Amino acid sequence: MKKNMGTNDRVIRLTIVIIITGLYLTGNLSGTLGIILGIVAVAFLVTSLLGWCPTYIPIKISTRKGK
């Protein structure tokens, strides 16, 4: 796995994770939408921590600067 996510991309994803988690924990997000956004939040968290996004591979983009 070659890293393909830059710092800004990772920070934005982690911010979204925090927002979704906050909305869920305060009860503002529930039901089917809560489940779907929860899955998205987990995916964003994992990809941010790894620095690698599998959806970037088919479209051949990288937000990482440098090599």
N, C-alpha and C. Protein backbone atom coordinates (compact mmCIF):
# COMPACT_ATOMS: atom_id res chain seq x y z
N MET A 1 0.83 -1.19 0.00
CA MET A 1 0.00 0.00 0.00
C MET A 1 0.87 1.25 0.00
N LYS A 2 0.83 1.95 -1.07
CA LYS A 2 1.56 3.21 -1.18
C LYS A 2 0.64 4.33 -0.71
N LYS A 3 1.12 5.15 0.20
CA LYS A 3 0.30 6.23 0.73
C LYS A 3 -0.10 7.19 -0.37
N ASN A 4 -1.38 7.57 -0.39
CA ASN A 4 -1.87 8.47 -1.42
C ASN A 4 -2.73 9.60 -0.86
N MET A 5 -2.65 9.83 0.45
CA MET A 5 -3.42 10.89 1.08
C MET A 5 -2.49 11.90 1.73
N GLY A 6 -2.73 13.16 1.44
CA GLY A 6 -1.94 14.23 2.03
C GLY A 6 -2.48 14.61 3.41
N THR A 7 -1.75 15.48 4.07
CA THR A 7 -2.11 15.90 5.42
C THR A 7 -3.46 16.60 5.46
N ASN A 8 -3.70 17.51 4.52
CA ASN A 8 -4.98 18.22 4.50
C ASN A 8 -6.15 17.27 4.32
N ASP A 9 -6.01 16.31 3.45
CA ASP A 9 -7.04 15.32 3.20
C ASP A 9 -7.34 14.53 4.47
N ARG A 10 -6.29 14.14 5.16
CA ARG A 10 -6.45 13.36 6.39
C ARG A 10 -7.12 14.18 7.49
N VAL A 11 -6.72 15.45 7.62
CA VAL A 11 -7.31 16.32 8.64
C VAL A 11 -8.79 16.56 8.37
N ILE A 12 -9.14 16.78 7.11
CA ILE A 12 -10.55 16.98 6.75
C ILE A 12 -11.37 15.74 7.09
N ARG A 13 -10.85 14.58 6.76
CA ARG A 13 -11.57 13.34 7.06
C ARG A 13 -11.73 13.14 8.57
N LEU A 14 -10.68 13.41 9.33
CA LEU A 14 -10.78 13.26 10.79
C LEU A 14 -11.76 14.26 11.39
N THR A 15 -11.83 15.46 10.83
CA THR A 15 -12.80 16.45 11.28
C THR A 15 -14.23 15.96 11.02
N ILE A 16 -14.44 15.37 9.87
CA ILE A 16 -15.76 14.82 9.54
C ILE A 16 -16.11 13.69 10.52
N VAL A 17 -15.14 12.86 10.85
CA VAL A 17 -15.36 11.78 11.82
C VAL A 17 -15.79 12.35 13.17
N ILE A 18 -15.11 13.40 13.61
CA ILE A 18 -15.44 14.02 14.90
C ILE A 18 -16.85 14.60 14.87
N ILE A 19 -17.21 15.25 13.78
CA ILE A 19 -18.56 15.84 13.66
C ILE A 19 -19.63 14.75 13.68
N ILE A 20 -19.44 13.69 12.90
CA ILE A 20 -20.42 12.60 12.86
C ILE A 20 -20.54 11.94 14.23
N THR A 21 -19.42 11.72 14.88
CA THR A 21 -19.44 11.11 16.21
C THR A 21 -20.17 11.99 17.21
N GLY A 22 -19.90 13.29 17.16
CA GLY A 22 -20.57 14.22 18.05
C GLY A 22 -22.08 14.25 17.83
N LEU A 23 -22.49 14.27 16.58
CA LEU A 23 -23.92 14.27 16.27
C LEU A 23 -24.58 12.98 16.74
N TYR A 24 -23.89 11.87 16.58
CA TYR A 24 -24.46 10.58 17.01
C TYR A 24 -24.57 10.51 18.54
N LEU A 25 -23.53 10.93 19.23
CA LEU A 25 -23.52 10.84 20.69
C LEU A 25 -24.50 11.80 21.35
N THR A 26 -24.81 12.91 20.70
CA THR A 26 -25.78 13.86 21.27
C THR A 26 -27.21 13.51 20.88
N GLY A 27 -27.39 12.49 20.07
CA GLY A 27 -28.72 12.06 19.68
C GLY A 27 -29.32 12.80 18.50
N ASN A 28 -28.55 13.65 17.86
CA ASN A 28 -29.03 14.39 16.70
C ASN A 28 -28.99 13.57 15.42
N LEU A 29 -28.37 12.41 15.49
CA LEU A 29 -28.21 11.55 14.33
C LEU A 29 -28.61 10.14 14.75
N SER A 30 -29.61 9.58 14.09
CA SER A 30 -30.05 8.23 14.45
C SER A 30 -30.68 7.55 13.25
N GLY A 31 -31.14 6.35 13.44
CA GLY A 31 -31.81 5.60 12.39
C GLY A 31 -30.87 5.18 11.27
N THR A 32 -31.44 5.03 10.09
CA THR A 32 -30.69 4.58 8.93
C THR A 32 -29.58 5.55 8.56
N LEU A 33 -29.88 6.83 8.62
CA LEU A 33 -28.86 7.84 8.31
C LEU A 33 -27.69 7.73 9.29
N GLY A 34 -28.00 7.51 10.56
CA GLY A 34 -26.95 7.36 11.56
C GLY A 34 -26.06 6.16 11.29
N ILE A 35 -26.67 5.06 10.86
CA ILE A 35 -25.90 3.86 10.54
C ILE A 35 -25.01 4.09 9.33
N ILE A 36 -25.57 4.69 8.29
CA ILE A 36 -24.79 4.93 7.07
C ILE A 36 -23.63 5.89 7.35
N LEU A 37 -23.92 6.99 8.05
CA LEU A 37 -22.84 7.94 8.36
C LEU A 37 -21.84 7.35 9.34
N GLY A 38 -22.28 6.43 10.19
CA GLY A 38 -21.36 5.74 11.09
C GLY A 38 -20.37 4.89 10.31
N ILE A 39 -20.86 4.21 9.30
CA ILE A 39 -19.99 3.40 8.45
C ILE A 39 -19.01 4.28 7.69
N VAL A 40 -19.50 5.41 7.18
CA VAL A 40 -18.63 6.36 6.49
C VAL A 40 -17.56 6.89 7.45
N ALA A 41 -17.95 7.18 8.69
CA ALA A 41 -17.01 7.69 9.68
C ALA A 41 -15.92 6.67 9.98
N VAL A 42 -16.30 5.41 10.11
CA VAL A 42 -15.30 4.36 10.37
C VAL A 42 -14.34 4.24 9.18
N ALA A 43 -14.88 4.28 7.97
CA ALA A 43 -14.03 4.20 6.78
C ALA A 43 -13.08 5.39 6.71
N PHE A 44 -13.60 6.58 6.99
CA PHE A 44 -12.74 7.78 6.99
C PHE A 44 -11.66 7.68 8.06
N LEU A 45 -12.01 7.17 9.23
CA LEU A 45 -11.03 7.05 10.32
C LEU A 45 -9.91 6.09 9.92
N VAL A 46 -10.28 4.94 9.40
CA VAL A 46 -9.27 3.94 9.00
C VAL A 46 -8.37 4.47 7.89
N THR A 47 -8.97 5.06 6.86
CA THR A 47 -8.16 5.57 5.75
C THR A 47 -7.27 6.73 6.18
N SER A 48 -7.75 7.55 7.10
CA SER A 48 -6.93 8.66 7.60
C SER A 48 -5.75 8.16 8.39
N LEU A 49 -5.97 7.16 9.22
CA LEU A 49 -4.87 6.62 10.02
C LEU A 49 -3.84 5.89 9.17
N LEU A 50 -4.31 5.23 8.10
CA LEU A 50 -3.39 4.52 7.21
C LEU A 50 -2.73 5.45 6.20
N GLY A 51 -3.39 6.55 5.87
CA GLY A 51 -2.86 7.46 4.85
C GLY A 51 -3.04 6.92 3.45
N TRP A 52 -3.98 6.00 3.30
CA TRP A 52 -4.19 5.33 2.02
C TRP A 52 -5.69 5.18 1.78
N CYS A 53 -6.14 5.61 0.61
CA CYS A 53 -7.55 5.52 0.26
C CYS A 53 -7.70 4.65 -0.99
N PRO A 54 -8.41 3.52 -0.86
CA PRO A 54 -8.53 2.62 -2.01
C PRO A 54 -9.36 3.20 -3.16
N THR A 55 -10.23 4.16 -2.88
CA THR A 55 -11.02 4.73 -3.97
C THR A 55 -10.21 5.67 -4.85
N TYR A 56 -9.05 6.08 -4.40
CA TYR A 56 -8.18 6.93 -5.21
C TYR A 56 -7.43 6.13 -6.28
N ILE A 57 -7.29 4.84 -6.09
CA ILE A 57 -6.50 4.02 -6.99
C ILE A 57 -7.09 3.94 -8.41
N PRO A 58 -8.38 3.62 -8.58
CA PRO A 58 -8.91 3.51 -9.95
C PRO A 58 -8.87 4.82 -10.74
N ILE A 59 -9.02 5.95 -10.03
CA ILE A 59 -9.00 7.23 -10.74
C ILE A 59 -7.62 7.88 -10.74
N LYS A 60 -6.67 7.16 -10.17
CA LYS A 60 -5.25 7.54 -10.19
C LYS A 60 -4.98 8.96 -9.70
N ILE A 61 -5.51 9.27 -8.50
CA ILE A 61 -5.20 10.57 -7.89
C ILE A 61 -4.48 10.35 -6.58
N SER A 62 -3.76 11.36 -6.17
CA SER A 62 -3.06 11.36 -4.91
C SER A 62 -3.06 12.79 -4.37
N THR A 63 -3.40 12.94 -3.11
CA THR A 63 -3.36 14.27 -2.50
C THR A 63 -2.08 14.45 -1.70
N ARG A 64 -1.21 13.49 -1.78
CA ARG A 64 0.05 13.54 -1.04
C ARG A 64 1.08 14.31 -1.85
N LYS A 65 1.77 15.22 -1.19
CA LYS A 65 2.83 15.98 -1.86
C LYS A 65 4.14 15.22 -1.72
N GLY A 66 5.05 15.50 -2.61
CA GLY A 66 6.37 14.90 -2.54
C GLY A 66 6.51 13.72 -3.48
N LYS A 67 7.26 12.72 -3.02
CA LYS A 67 7.57 11.55 -3.85
C LYS A 67 6.33 10.84 -4.17
